[in-house]
PDBML (XML) file of the C-alpha atoms, coordinates in Angstrom:
<?xml version="1.0" encoding="UTF-8" ?>
<PDBx:datablock datablockName="MODEL"
   xmlns:PDBx="http://pdbml.pdb.org/schema/pdbx-v50.xsd"
   xmlns:xsi="http://www.w3.org/2001/XMLSchema-instance"
   xsi:schemaLocation="http://pdbml.pdb.org/schema/pdbx-v50.xsd pdbx-v50.xsd">
   <PDBx:atom_siteCategory>
      <PDBx:atom_site id="1">
         <PDBx:B_iso_or_equiv>0.00</PDBx:B_iso_or_equiv>
         <PDBx:Cartn_x>5.649</PDBx:Cartn_x>
         <PDBx:Cartn_y>15.892</PDBx:Cartn_y>
         <PDBx:Cartn_z>6.866</PDBx:Cartn_z>
         <PDBx:auth_asym_id>A</PDBx:auth_asym_id>
         <PDBx:auth_atom_id>CA</PDBx:auth_atom_id>
         <PDBx:auth_comp_id>ALA</PDBx:auth_comp_id>
         <PDBx:auth_seq_id>1</PDBx:auth_seq_id>
         <PDBx:group_PDB>ATOM</PDBx:group_PDB>
         <PDBx:label_alt_id xsi:nil="true" />
         <PDBx:label_asym_id>A</PDBx:label_asym_id>
         <PDBx:label_atom_id>CA</PDBx:label_atom_id>
         <PDBx:label_comp_id>ALA</PDBx:label_comp_id>
         <PDBx:label_entity_id>1</PDBx:label_entity_id>
         <PDBx:label_seq_id>1</PDBx:label_seq_id>
         <PDBx:occupancy>1.00</PDBx:occupancy>
         <PDBx:pdbx_PDB_model_num>1</PDBx:pdbx_PDB_model_num>
         <PDBx:type_symbol>C</PDBx:type_symbol>
      </PDBx:atom_site>
      <PDBx:atom_site id="2">
         <PDBx:B_iso_or_equiv>0.00</PDBx:B_iso_or_equiv>
         <PDBx:Cartn_x>6.061</PDBx:Cartn_x>
         <PDBx:Cartn_y>18.008</PDBx:Cartn_y>
         <PDBx:Cartn_z>3.618</PDBx:Cartn_z>
         <PDBx:auth_asym_id>A</PDBx:auth_asym_id>
         <PDBx:auth_atom_id>CA</PDBx:auth_atom_id>
         <PDBx:auth_comp_id>GLY</PDBx:auth_comp_id>
         <PDBx:auth_seq_id>2</PDBx:auth_seq_id>
         <PDBx:group_PDB>ATOM</PDBx:group_PDB>
         <PDBx:label_alt_id xsi:nil="true" />
         <PDBx:label_asym_id>A</PDBx:label_asym_id>
         <PDBx:label_atom_id>CA</PDBx:label_atom_id>
         <PDBx:label_comp_id>GLY</PDBx:label_comp_id>
         <PDBx:label_entity_id>1</PDBx:label_entity_id>
         <PDBx:label_seq_id>2</PDBx:label_seq_id>
         <PDBx:occupancy>1.00</PDBx:occupancy>
         <PDBx:pdbx_PDB_model_num>1</PDBx:pdbx_PDB_model_num>
         <PDBx:type_symbol>C</PDBx:type_symbol>
      </PDBx:atom_site>
      <PDBx:atom_site id="3">
         <PDBx:B_iso_or_equiv>0.00</PDBx:B_iso_or_equiv>
         <PDBx:Cartn_x>9.226</PDBx:Cartn_x>
         <PDBx:Cartn_y>15.974</PDBx:Cartn_y>
         <PDBx:Cartn_z>2.512</PDBx:Cartn_z>
         <PDBx:auth_asym_id>A</PDBx:auth_asym_id>
         <PDBx:auth_atom_id>CA</PDBx:auth_atom_id>
         <PDBx:auth_comp_id>GLN</PDBx:auth_comp_id>
         <PDBx:auth_seq_id>3</PDBx:auth_seq_id>
         <PDBx:group_PDB>ATOM</PDBx:group_PDB>
         <PDBx:label_alt_id xsi:nil="true" />
         <PDBx:label_asym_id>A</PDBx:label_asym_id>
         <PDBx:label_atom_id>CA</PDBx:label_atom_id>
         <PDBx:label_comp_id>GLN</PDBx:label_comp_id>
         <PDBx:label_entity_id>1</PDBx:label_entity_id>
         <PDBx:label_seq_id>3</PDBx:label_seq_id>
         <PDBx:occupancy>1.00</PDBx:occupancy>
         <PDBx:pdbx_PDB_model_num>1</PDBx:pdbx_PDB_model_num>
         <PDBx:type_symbol>C</PDBx:type_symbol>
      </PDBx:atom_site>
      <PDBx:atom_site id="4">
         <PDBx:B_iso_or_equiv>0.00</PDBx:B_iso_or_equiv>
         <PDBx:Cartn_x>7.439</PDBx:Cartn_x>
         <PDBx:Cartn_y>13.564</PDBx:Cartn_y>
         <PDBx:Cartn_z>0.218</PDBx:Cartn_z>
         <PDBx:auth_asym_id>A</PDBx:auth_asym_id>
         <PDBx:auth_atom_id>CA</PDBx:auth_atom_id>
         <PDBx:auth_comp_id>GLY</PDBx:auth_comp_id>
         <PDBx:auth_seq_id>4</PDBx:auth_seq_id>
         <PDBx:group_PDB>ATOM</PDBx:group_PDB>
         <PDBx:label_alt_id xsi:nil="true" />
         <PDBx:label_asym_id>A</PDBx:label_asym_id>
         <PDBx:label_atom_id>CA</PDBx:label_atom_id>
         <PDBx:label_comp_id>GLY</PDBx:label_comp_id>
         <PDBx:label_entity_id>1</PDBx:label_entity_id>
         <PDBx:label_seq_id>4</PDBx:label_seq_id>
         <PDBx:occupancy>1.00</PDBx:occupancy>
         <PDBx:pdbx_PDB_model_num>1</PDBx:pdbx_PDB_model_num>
         <PDBx:type_symbol>C</PDBx:type_symbol>
      </PDBx:atom_site>
      <PDBx:atom_site id="5">
         <PDBx:B_iso_or_equiv>0.00</PDBx:B_iso_or_equiv>
         <PDBx:Cartn_x>7.962</PDBx:Cartn_x>
         <PDBx:Cartn_y>13.471</PDBx:Cartn_y>
         <PDBx:Cartn_z>-3.552</PDBx:Cartn_z>
         <PDBx:auth_asym_id>A</PDBx:auth_asym_id>
         <PDBx:auth_atom_id>CA</PDBx:auth_atom_id>
         <PDBx:auth_comp_id>VAL</PDBx:auth_comp_id>
         <PDBx:auth_seq_id>5</PDBx:auth_seq_id>
         <PDBx:group_PDB>ATOM</PDBx:group_PDB>
         <PDBx:label_alt_id xsi:nil="true" />
         <PDBx:label_asym_id>A</PDBx:label_asym_id>
         <PDBx:label_atom_id>CA</PDBx:label_atom_id>
         <PDBx:label_comp_id>VAL</PDBx:label_comp_id>
         <PDBx:label_entity_id>1</PDBx:label_entity_id>
         <PDBx:label_seq_id>5</PDBx:label_seq_id>
         <PDBx:occupancy>1.00</PDBx:occupancy>
         <PDBx:pdbx_PDB_model_num>1</PDBx:pdbx_PDB_model_num>
         <PDBx:type_symbol>C</PDBx:type_symbol>
      </PDBx:atom_site>
      <PDBx:atom_site id="6">
         <PDBx:B_iso_or_equiv>0.00</PDBx:B_iso_or_equiv>
         <PDBx:Cartn_x>5.301</PDBx:Cartn_x>
         <PDBx:Cartn_y>10.876</PDBx:Cartn_y>
         <PDBx:Cartn_z>-4.415</PDBx:Cartn_z>
         <PDBx:auth_asym_id>A</PDBx:auth_asym_id>
         <PDBx:auth_atom_id>CA</PDBx:auth_atom_id>
         <PDBx:auth_comp_id>PHE</PDBx:auth_comp_id>
         <PDBx:auth_seq_id>6</PDBx:auth_seq_id>
         <PDBx:group_PDB>ATOM</PDBx:group_PDB>
         <PDBx:label_alt_id xsi:nil="true" />
         <PDBx:label_asym_id>A</PDBx:label_asym_id>
         <PDBx:label_atom_id>CA</PDBx:label_atom_id>
         <PDBx:label_comp_id>PHE</PDBx:label_comp_id>
         <PDBx:label_entity_id>1</PDBx:label_entity_id>
         <PDBx:label_seq_id>6</PDBx:label_seq_id>
         <PDBx:occupancy>1.00</PDBx:occupancy>
         <PDBx:pdbx_PDB_model_num>1</PDBx:pdbx_PDB_model_num>
         <PDBx:type_symbol>C</PDBx:type_symbol>
      </PDBx:atom_site>
      <PDBx:atom_site id="7">
         <PDBx:B_iso_or_equiv>0.00</PDBx:B_iso_or_equiv>
         <PDBx:Cartn_x>2.474</PDBx:Cartn_x>
         <PDBx:Cartn_y>9.087</PDBx:Cartn_y>
         <PDBx:Cartn_z>-2.834</PDBx:Cartn_z>
         <PDBx:auth_asym_id>A</PDBx:auth_asym_id>
         <PDBx:auth_atom_id>CA</PDBx:auth_atom_id>
         <PDBx:auth_comp_id>THR</PDBx:auth_comp_id>
         <PDBx:auth_seq_id>7</PDBx:auth_seq_id>
         <PDBx:group_PDB>ATOM</PDBx:group_PDB>
         <PDBx:label_alt_id xsi:nil="true" />
         <PDBx:label_asym_id>A</PDBx:label_asym_id>
         <PDBx:label_atom_id>CA</PDBx:label_atom_id>
         <PDBx:label_comp_id>THR</PDBx:label_comp_id>
         <PDBx:label_entity_id>1</PDBx:label_entity_id>
         <PDBx:label_seq_id>7</PDBx:label_seq_id>
         <PDBx:occupancy>1.00</PDBx:occupancy>
         <PDBx:pdbx_PDB_model_num>1</PDBx:pdbx_PDB_model_num>
         <PDBx:type_symbol>C</PDBx:type_symbol>
      </PDBx:atom_site>
      <PDBx:atom_site id="8">
         <PDBx:B_iso_or_equiv>0.00</PDBx:B_iso_or_equiv>
         <PDBx:Cartn_x>1.123</PDBx:Cartn_x>
         <PDBx:Cartn_y>5.461</PDBx:Cartn_y>
         <PDBx:Cartn_z>-2.814</PDBx:Cartn_z>
         <PDBx:auth_asym_id>A</PDBx:auth_asym_id>
         <PDBx:auth_atom_id>CA</PDBx:auth_atom_id>
         <PDBx:auth_comp_id>ILE</PDBx:auth_comp_id>
         <PDBx:auth_seq_id>8</PDBx:auth_seq_id>
         <PDBx:group_PDB>ATOM</PDBx:group_PDB>
         <PDBx:label_alt_id xsi:nil="true" />
         <PDBx:label_asym_id>A</PDBx:label_asym_id>
         <PDBx:label_atom_id>CA</PDBx:label_atom_id>
         <PDBx:label_comp_id>ILE</PDBx:label_comp_id>
         <PDBx:label_entity_id>1</PDBx:label_entity_id>
         <PDBx:label_seq_id>8</PDBx:label_seq_id>
         <PDBx:occupancy>1.00</PDBx:occupancy>
         <PDBx:pdbx_PDB_model_num>1</PDBx:pdbx_PDB_model_num>
         <PDBx:type_symbol>C</PDBx:type_symbol>
      </PDBx:atom_site>
      <PDBx:atom_site id="9">
         <PDBx:B_iso_or_equiv>0.00</PDBx:B_iso_or_equiv>
         <PDBx:Cartn_x>-2.382</PDBx:Cartn_x>
         <PDBx:Cartn_y>5.049</PDBx:Cartn_y>
         <PDBx:Cartn_z>-1.899</PDBx:Cartn_z>
         <PDBx:auth_asym_id>A</PDBx:auth_asym_id>
         <PDBx:auth_atom_id>CA</PDBx:auth_atom_id>
         <PDBx:auth_comp_id>THR</PDBx:auth_comp_id>
         <PDBx:auth_seq_id>9</PDBx:auth_seq_id>
         <PDBx:group_PDB>ATOM</PDBx:group_PDB>
         <PDBx:label_alt_id xsi:nil="true" />
         <PDBx:label_asym_id>A</PDBx:label_asym_id>
         <PDBx:label_atom_id>CA</PDBx:label_atom_id>
         <PDBx:label_comp_id>THR</PDBx:label_comp_id>
         <PDBx:label_entity_id>1</PDBx:label_entity_id>
         <PDBx:label_seq_id>9</PDBx:label_seq_id>
         <PDBx:occupancy>1.00</PDBx:occupancy>
         <PDBx:pdbx_PDB_model_num>1</PDBx:pdbx_PDB_model_num>
         <PDBx:type_symbol>C</PDBx:type_symbol>
      </PDBx:atom_site>
      <PDBx:atom_site id="10">
         <PDBx:B_iso_or_equiv>0.00</PDBx:B_iso_or_equiv>
         <PDBx:Cartn_x>-3.787</PDBx:Cartn_x>
         <PDBx:Cartn_y>1.417</PDBx:Cartn_y>
         <PDBx:Cartn_z>-1.832</PDBx:Cartn_z>
         <PDBx:auth_asym_id>A</PDBx:auth_asym_id>
         <PDBx:auth_atom_id>CA</PDBx:auth_atom_id>
         <PDBx:auth_comp_id>ASN</PDBx:auth_comp_id>
         <PDBx:auth_seq_id>10</PDBx:auth_seq_id>
         <PDBx:group_PDB>ATOM</PDBx:group_PDB>
         <PDBx:label_alt_id xsi:nil="true" />
         <PDBx:label_asym_id>A</PDBx:label_asym_id>
         <PDBx:label_atom_id>CA</PDBx:label_atom_id>
         <PDBx:label_comp_id>ASN</PDBx:label_comp_id>
         <PDBx:label_entity_id>1</PDBx:label_entity_id>
         <PDBx:label_seq_id>10</PDBx:label_seq_id>
         <PDBx:occupancy>1.00</PDBx:occupancy>
         <PDBx:pdbx_PDB_model_num>1</PDBx:pdbx_PDB_model_num>
         <PDBx:type_symbol>C</PDBx:type_symbol>
      </PDBx:atom_site>
      <PDBx:atom_site id="11">
         <PDBx:B_iso_or_equiv>0.00</PDBx:B_iso_or_equiv>
         <PDBx:Cartn_x>-7.342</PDBx:Cartn_x>
         <PDBx:Cartn_y>0.387</PDBx:Cartn_y>
         <PDBx:Cartn_z>-1.367</PDBx:Cartn_z>
         <PDBx:auth_asym_id>A</PDBx:auth_asym_id>
         <PDBx:auth_atom_id>CA</PDBx:auth_atom_id>
         <PDBx:auth_comp_id>LEU</PDBx:auth_comp_id>
         <PDBx:auth_seq_id>11</PDBx:auth_seq_id>
         <PDBx:group_PDB>ATOM</PDBx:group_PDB>
         <PDBx:label_alt_id xsi:nil="true" />
         <PDBx:label_asym_id>A</PDBx:label_asym_id>
         <PDBx:label_atom_id>CA</PDBx:label_atom_id>
         <PDBx:label_comp_id>LEU</PDBx:label_comp_id>
         <PDBx:label_entity_id>1</PDBx:label_entity_id>
         <PDBx:label_seq_id>11</PDBx:label_seq_id>
         <PDBx:occupancy>1.00</PDBx:occupancy>
         <PDBx:pdbx_PDB_model_num>1</PDBx:pdbx_PDB_model_num>
         <PDBx:type_symbol>C</PDBx:type_symbol>
      </PDBx:atom_site>
      <PDBx:atom_site id="12">
         <PDBx:B_iso_or_equiv>0.00</PDBx:B_iso_or_equiv>
         <PDBx:Cartn_x>-6.852</PDBx:Cartn_x>
         <PDBx:Cartn_y>-3.191</PDBx:Cartn_y>
         <PDBx:Cartn_z>-2.472</PDBx:Cartn_z>
         <PDBx:auth_asym_id>A</PDBx:auth_asym_id>
         <PDBx:auth_atom_id>CA</PDBx:auth_atom_id>
         <PDBx:auth_comp_id>GLY</PDBx:auth_comp_id>
         <PDBx:auth_seq_id>12</PDBx:auth_seq_id>
         <PDBx:group_PDB>ATOM</PDBx:group_PDB>
         <PDBx:label_alt_id xsi:nil="true" />
         <PDBx:label_asym_id>A</PDBx:label_asym_id>
         <PDBx:label_atom_id>CA</PDBx:label_atom_id>
         <PDBx:label_comp_id>GLY</PDBx:label_comp_id>
         <PDBx:label_entity_id>1</PDBx:label_entity_id>
         <PDBx:label_seq_id>12</PDBx:label_seq_id>
         <PDBx:occupancy>1.00</PDBx:occupancy>
         <PDBx:pdbx_PDB_model_num>1</PDBx:pdbx_PDB_model_num>
         <PDBx:type_symbol>C</PDBx:type_symbol>
      </PDBx:atom_site>
      <PDBx:atom_site id="13">
         <PDBx:B_iso_or_equiv>0.00</PDBx:B_iso_or_equiv>
         <PDBx:Cartn_x>-7.616</PDBx:Cartn_x>
         <PDBx:Cartn_y>-4.493</PDBx:Cartn_y>
         <PDBx:Cartn_z>1.044</PDBx:Cartn_z>
         <PDBx:auth_asym_id>A</PDBx:auth_asym_id>
         <PDBx:auth_atom_id>CA</PDBx:auth_atom_id>
         <PDBx:auth_comp_id>MET</PDBx:auth_comp_id>
         <PDBx:auth_seq_id>13</PDBx:auth_seq_id>
         <PDBx:group_PDB>ATOM</PDBx:group_PDB>
         <PDBx:label_alt_id xsi:nil="true" />
         <PDBx:label_asym_id>A</PDBx:label_asym_id>
         <PDBx:label_atom_id>CA</PDBx:label_atom_id>
         <PDBx:label_comp_id>MET</PDBx:label_comp_id>
         <PDBx:label_entity_id>1</PDBx:label_entity_id>
         <PDBx:label_seq_id>13</PDBx:label_seq_id>
         <PDBx:occupancy>1.00</PDBx:occupancy>
         <PDBx:pdbx_PDB_model_num>1</PDBx:pdbx_PDB_model_num>
         <PDBx:type_symbol>C</PDBx:type_symbol>
      </PDBx:atom_site>
      <PDBx:atom_site id="14">
         <PDBx:B_iso_or_equiv>0.00</PDBx:B_iso_or_equiv>
         <PDBx:Cartn_x>-11.062</PDBx:Cartn_x>
         <PDBx:Cartn_y>-3.258</PDBx:Cartn_y>
         <PDBx:Cartn_z>0.507</PDBx:Cartn_z>
         <PDBx:auth_asym_id>A</PDBx:auth_asym_id>
         <PDBx:auth_atom_id>CA</PDBx:auth_atom_id>
         <PDBx:auth_comp_id>PHE</PDBx:auth_comp_id>
         <PDBx:auth_seq_id>14</PDBx:auth_seq_id>
         <PDBx:group_PDB>ATOM</PDBx:group_PDB>
         <PDBx:label_alt_id xsi:nil="true" />
         <PDBx:label_asym_id>A</PDBx:label_asym_id>
         <PDBx:label_atom_id>CA</PDBx:label_atom_id>
         <PDBx:label_comp_id>PHE</PDBx:label_comp_id>
         <PDBx:label_entity_id>1</PDBx:label_entity_id>
         <PDBx:label_seq_id>14</PDBx:label_seq_id>
         <PDBx:occupancy>1.00</PDBx:occupancy>
         <PDBx:pdbx_PDB_model_num>1</PDBx:pdbx_PDB_model_num>
         <PDBx:type_symbol>C</PDBx:type_symbol>
      </PDBx:atom_site>
      <PDBx:atom_site id="15">
         <PDBx:B_iso_or_equiv>0.00</PDBx:B_iso_or_equiv>
         <PDBx:Cartn_x>-11.460</PDBx:Cartn_x>
         <PDBx:Cartn_y>-5.077</PDBx:Cartn_y>
         <PDBx:Cartn_z>-2.505</PDBx:Cartn_z>
         <PDBx:auth_asym_id>A</PDBx:auth_asym_id>
         <PDBx:auth_atom_id>CA</PDBx:auth_atom_id>
         <PDBx:auth_comp_id>GLY</PDBx:auth_comp_id>
         <PDBx:auth_seq_id>15</PDBx:auth_seq_id>
         <PDBx:group_PDB>ATOM</PDBx:group_PDB>
         <PDBx:label_alt_id xsi:nil="true" />
         <PDBx:label_asym_id>A</PDBx:label_asym_id>
         <PDBx:label_atom_id>CA</PDBx:label_atom_id>
         <PDBx:label_comp_id>GLY</PDBx:label_comp_id>
         <PDBx:label_entity_id>1</PDBx:label_entity_id>
         <PDBx:label_seq_id>15</PDBx:label_seq_id>
         <PDBx:occupancy>1.00</PDBx:occupancy>
         <PDBx:pdbx_PDB_model_num>1</PDBx:pdbx_PDB_model_num>
         <PDBx:type_symbol>C</PDBx:type_symbol>
      </PDBx:atom_site>
      <PDBx:atom_site id="16">
         <PDBx:B_iso_or_equiv>0.00</PDBx:B_iso_or_equiv>
         <PDBx:Cartn_x>-11.711</PDBx:Cartn_x>
         <PDBx:Cartn_y>-2.058</PDBx:Cartn_y>
         <PDBx:Cartn_z>-4.870</PDBx:Cartn_z>
         <PDBx:auth_asym_id>A</PDBx:auth_asym_id>
         <PDBx:auth_atom_id>CA</PDBx:auth_atom_id>
         <PDBx:auth_comp_id>VAL</PDBx:auth_comp_id>
         <PDBx:auth_seq_id>16</PDBx:auth_seq_id>
         <PDBx:group_PDB>ATOM</PDBx:group_PDB>
         <PDBx:label_alt_id xsi:nil="true" />
         <PDBx:label_asym_id>A</PDBx:label_asym_id>
         <PDBx:label_atom_id>CA</PDBx:label_atom_id>
         <PDBx:label_comp_id>VAL</PDBx:label_comp_id>
         <PDBx:label_entity_id>1</PDBx:label_entity_id>
         <PDBx:label_seq_id>16</PDBx:label_seq_id>
         <PDBx:occupancy>1.00</PDBx:occupancy>
         <PDBx:pdbx_PDB_model_num>1</PDBx:pdbx_PDB_model_num>
         <PDBx:type_symbol>C</PDBx:type_symbol>
      </PDBx:atom_site>
      <PDBx:atom_site id="17">
         <PDBx:B_iso_or_equiv>0.00</PDBx:B_iso_or_equiv>
         <PDBx:Cartn_x>-10.332</PDBx:Cartn_x>
         <PDBx:Cartn_y>-2.972</PDBx:Cartn_y>
         <PDBx:Cartn_z>-8.423</PDBx:Cartn_z>
         <PDBx:auth_asym_id>A</PDBx:auth_asym_id>
         <PDBx:auth_atom_id>CA</PDBx:auth_atom_id>
         <PDBx:auth_comp_id>GLU</PDBx:auth_comp_id>
         <PDBx:auth_seq_id>17</PDBx:auth_seq_id>
         <PDBx:group_PDB>ATOM</PDBx:group_PDB>
         <PDBx:label_alt_id xsi:nil="true" />
         <PDBx:label_asym_id>A</PDBx:label_asym_id>
         <PDBx:label_atom_id>CA</PDBx:label_atom_id>
         <PDBx:label_comp_id>GLU</PDBx:label_comp_id>
         <PDBx:label_entity_id>1</PDBx:label_entity_id>
         <PDBx:label_seq_id>17</PDBx:label_seq_id>
         <PDBx:occupancy>1.00</PDBx:occupancy>
         <PDBx:pdbx_PDB_model_num>1</PDBx:pdbx_PDB_model_num>
         <PDBx:type_symbol>C</PDBx:type_symbol>
      </PDBx:atom_site>
      <PDBx:atom_site id="18">
         <PDBx:B_iso_or_equiv>0.00</PDBx:B_iso_or_equiv>
         <PDBx:Cartn_x>-9.375</PDBx:Cartn_x>
         <PDBx:Cartn_y>0.510</PDBx:Cartn_y>
         <PDBx:Cartn_z>-9.486</PDBx:Cartn_z>
         <PDBx:auth_asym_id>A</PDBx:auth_asym_id>
         <PDBx:auth_atom_id>CA</PDBx:auth_atom_id>
         <PDBx:auth_comp_id>GLU</PDBx:auth_comp_id>
         <PDBx:auth_seq_id>18</PDBx:auth_seq_id>
         <PDBx:group_PDB>ATOM</PDBx:group_PDB>
         <PDBx:label_alt_id xsi:nil="true" />
         <PDBx:label_asym_id>A</PDBx:label_asym_id>
         <PDBx:label_atom_id>CA</PDBx:label_atom_id>
         <PDBx:label_comp_id>GLU</PDBx:label_comp_id>
         <PDBx:label_entity_id>1</PDBx:label_entity_id>
         <PDBx:label_seq_id>18</PDBx:label_seq_id>
         <PDBx:occupancy>1.00</PDBx:occupancy>
         <PDBx:pdbx_PDB_model_num>1</PDBx:pdbx_PDB_model_num>
         <PDBx:type_symbol>C</PDBx:type_symbol>
      </PDBx:atom_site>
      <PDBx:atom_site id="19">
         <PDBx:B_iso_or_equiv>0.00</PDBx:B_iso_or_equiv>
         <PDBx:Cartn_x>-9.690</PDBx:Cartn_x>
         <PDBx:Cartn_y>4.125</PDBx:Cartn_y>
         <PDBx:Cartn_z>-8.818</PDBx:Cartn_z>
         <PDBx:auth_asym_id>A</PDBx:auth_asym_id>
         <PDBx:auth_atom_id>CA</PDBx:auth_atom_id>
         <PDBx:auth_comp_id>PHE</PDBx:auth_comp_id>
         <PDBx:auth_seq_id>19</PDBx:auth_seq_id>
         <PDBx:group_PDB>ATOM</PDBx:group_PDB>
         <PDBx:label_alt_id xsi:nil="true" />
         <PDBx:label_asym_id>A</PDBx:label_asym_id>
         <PDBx:label_atom_id>CA</PDBx:label_atom_id>
         <PDBx:label_comp_id>PHE</PDBx:label_comp_id>
         <PDBx:label_entity_id>1</PDBx:label_entity_id>
         <PDBx:label_seq_id>19</PDBx:label_seq_id>
         <PDBx:occupancy>1.00</PDBx:occupancy>
         <PDBx:pdbx_PDB_model_num>1</PDBx:pdbx_PDB_model_num>
         <PDBx:type_symbol>C</PDBx:type_symbol>
      </PDBx:atom_site>
      <PDBx:atom_site id="20">
         <PDBx:B_iso_or_equiv>0.00</PDBx:B_iso_or_equiv>
         <PDBx:Cartn_x>-8.109</PDBx:Cartn_x>
         <PDBx:Cartn_y>7.530</PDBx:Cartn_y>
         <PDBx:Cartn_z>-9.375</PDBx:Cartn_z>
         <PDBx:auth_asym_id>A</PDBx:auth_asym_id>
         <PDBx:auth_atom_id>CA</PDBx:auth_atom_id>
         <PDBx:auth_comp_id>SER</PDBx:auth_comp_id>
         <PDBx:auth_seq_id>20</PDBx:auth_seq_id>
         <PDBx:group_PDB>ATOM</PDBx:group_PDB>
         <PDBx:label_alt_id xsi:nil="true" />
         <PDBx:label_asym_id>A</PDBx:label_asym_id>
         <PDBx:label_atom_id>CA</PDBx:label_atom_id>
         <PDBx:label_comp_id>SER</PDBx:label_comp_id>
         <PDBx:label_entity_id>1</PDBx:label_entity_id>
         <PDBx:label_seq_id>20</PDBx:label_seq_id>
         <PDBx:occupancy>1.00</PDBx:occupancy>
         <PDBx:pdbx_PDB_model_num>1</PDBx:pdbx_PDB_model_num>
         <PDBx:type_symbol>C</PDBx:type_symbol>
      </PDBx:atom_site>
      <PDBx:atom_site id="21">
         <PDBx:B_iso_or_equiv>0.00</PDBx:B_iso_or_equiv>
         <PDBx:Cartn_x>-6.439</PDBx:Cartn_x>
         <PDBx:Cartn_y>9.427</PDBx:Cartn_y>
         <PDBx:Cartn_z>-6.658</PDBx:Cartn_z>
         <PDBx:auth_asym_id>A</PDBx:auth_asym_id>
         <PDBx:auth_atom_id>CA</PDBx:auth_atom_id>
         <PDBx:auth_comp_id>ALA</PDBx:auth_comp_id>
         <PDBx:auth_seq_id>21</PDBx:auth_seq_id>
         <PDBx:group_PDB>ATOM</PDBx:group_PDB>
         <PDBx:label_alt_id xsi:nil="true" />
         <PDBx:label_asym_id>A</PDBx:label_asym_id>
         <PDBx:label_atom_id>CA</PDBx:label_atom_id>
         <PDBx:label_comp_id>ALA</PDBx:label_comp_id>
         <PDBx:label_entity_id>1</PDBx:label_entity_id>
         <PDBx:label_seq_id>21</PDBx:label_seq_id>
         <PDBx:occupancy>1.00</PDBx:occupancy>
         <PDBx:pdbx_PDB_model_num>1</PDBx:pdbx_PDB_model_num>
         <PDBx:type_symbol>C</PDBx:type_symbol>
      </PDBx:atom_site>
      <PDBx:atom_site id="22">
         <PDBx:B_iso_or_equiv>0.00</PDBx:B_iso_or_equiv>
         <PDBx:Cartn_x>-5.975</PDBx:Cartn_x>
         <PDBx:Cartn_y>13.246</PDBx:Cartn_y>
         <PDBx:Cartn_z>-6.001</PDBx:Cartn_z>
         <PDBx:auth_asym_id>A</PDBx:auth_asym_id>
         <PDBx:auth_atom_id>CA</PDBx:auth_atom_id>
         <PDBx:auth_comp_id>ILE</PDBx:auth_comp_id>
         <PDBx:auth_seq_id>22</PDBx:auth_seq_id>
         <PDBx:group_PDB>ATOM</PDBx:group_PDB>
         <PDBx:label_alt_id xsi:nil="true" />
         <PDBx:label_asym_id>A</PDBx:label_asym_id>
         <PDBx:label_atom_id>CA</PDBx:label_atom_id>
         <PDBx:label_comp_id>ILE</PDBx:label_comp_id>
         <PDBx:label_entity_id>1</PDBx:label_entity_id>
         <PDBx:label_seq_id>22</PDBx:label_seq_id>
         <PDBx:occupancy>1.00</PDBx:occupancy>
         <PDBx:pdbx_PDB_model_num>1</PDBx:pdbx_PDB_model_num>
         <PDBx:type_symbol>C</PDBx:type_symbol>
      </PDBx:atom_site>
      <PDBx:atom_site id="23">
         <PDBx:B_iso_or_equiv>0.00</PDBx:B_iso_or_equiv>
         <PDBx:Cartn_x>-2.198</PDBx:Cartn_x>
         <PDBx:Cartn_y>14.340</PDBx:Cartn_y>
         <PDBx:Cartn_z>-6.104</PDBx:Cartn_z>
         <PDBx:auth_asym_id>A</PDBx:auth_asym_id>
         <PDBx:auth_atom_id>CA</PDBx:auth_atom_id>
         <PDBx:auth_comp_id>ILE</PDBx:auth_comp_id>
         <PDBx:auth_seq_id>23</PDBx:auth_seq_id>
         <PDBx:group_PDB>ATOM</PDBx:group_PDB>
         <PDBx:label_alt_id xsi:nil="true" />
         <PDBx:label_asym_id>A</PDBx:label_asym_id>
         <PDBx:label_atom_id>CA</PDBx:label_atom_id>
         <PDBx:label_comp_id>ILE</PDBx:label_comp_id>
         <PDBx:label_entity_id>1</PDBx:label_entity_id>
         <PDBx:label_seq_id>23</PDBx:label_seq_id>
         <PDBx:occupancy>1.00</PDBx:occupancy>
         <PDBx:pdbx_PDB_model_num>1</PDBx:pdbx_PDB_model_num>
         <PDBx:type_symbol>C</PDBx:type_symbol>
      </PDBx:atom_site>
      <PDBx:atom_site id="24">
         <PDBx:B_iso_or_equiv>0.00</PDBx:B_iso_or_equiv>
         <PDBx:Cartn_x>-0.866</PDBx:Cartn_x>
         <PDBx:Cartn_y>15.457</PDBx:Cartn_y>
         <PDBx:Cartn_z>-2.662</PDBx:Cartn_z>
         <PDBx:auth_asym_id>A</PDBx:auth_asym_id>
         <PDBx:auth_atom_id>CA</PDBx:auth_atom_id>
         <PDBx:auth_comp_id>ASN</PDBx:auth_comp_id>
         <PDBx:auth_seq_id>24</PDBx:auth_seq_id>
         <PDBx:group_PDB>ATOM</PDBx:group_PDB>
         <PDBx:label_alt_id xsi:nil="true" />
         <PDBx:label_asym_id>A</PDBx:label_asym_id>
         <PDBx:label_atom_id>CA</PDBx:label_atom_id>
         <PDBx:label_comp_id>ASN</PDBx:label_comp_id>
         <PDBx:label_entity_id>1</PDBx:label_entity_id>
         <PDBx:label_seq_id>24</PDBx:label_seq_id>
         <PDBx:occupancy>1.00</PDBx:occupancy>
         <PDBx:pdbx_PDB_model_num>1</PDBx:pdbx_PDB_model_num>
         <PDBx:type_symbol>C</PDBx:type_symbol>
      </PDBx:atom_site>
      <PDBx:atom_site id="25">
         <PDBx:B_iso_or_equiv>0.00</PDBx:B_iso_or_equiv>
         <PDBx:Cartn_x>0.686</PDBx:Cartn_x>
         <PDBx:Cartn_y>18.992</PDBx:Cartn_y>
         <PDBx:Cartn_z>-3.201</PDBx:Cartn_z>
         <PDBx:auth_asym_id>A</PDBx:auth_asym_id>
         <PDBx:auth_atom_id>CA</PDBx:auth_atom_id>
         <PDBx:auth_comp_id>PRO</PDBx:auth_comp_id>
         <PDBx:auth_seq_id>25</PDBx:auth_seq_id>
         <PDBx:group_PDB>ATOM</PDBx:group_PDB>
         <PDBx:label_alt_id xsi:nil="true" />
         <PDBx:label_asym_id>A</PDBx:label_asym_id>
         <PDBx:label_atom_id>CA</PDBx:label_atom_id>
         <PDBx:label_comp_id>PRO</PDBx:label_comp_id>
         <PDBx:label_entity_id>1</PDBx:label_entity_id>
         <PDBx:label_seq_id>25</PDBx:label_seq_id>
         <PDBx:occupancy>1.00</PDBx:occupancy>
         <PDBx:pdbx_PDB_model_num>1</PDBx:pdbx_PDB_model_num>
         <PDBx:type_symbol>C</PDBx:type_symbol>
      </PDBx:atom_site>
   </PDBx:atom_siteCategory>
</PDBx:datablock>
């Protein structure tokens, strides 16, 4: 927790083609 420099978020398993994510400060 709090040590990340970059996040990956994946909704492909739900069939979502594309989306825009909010940055995790």
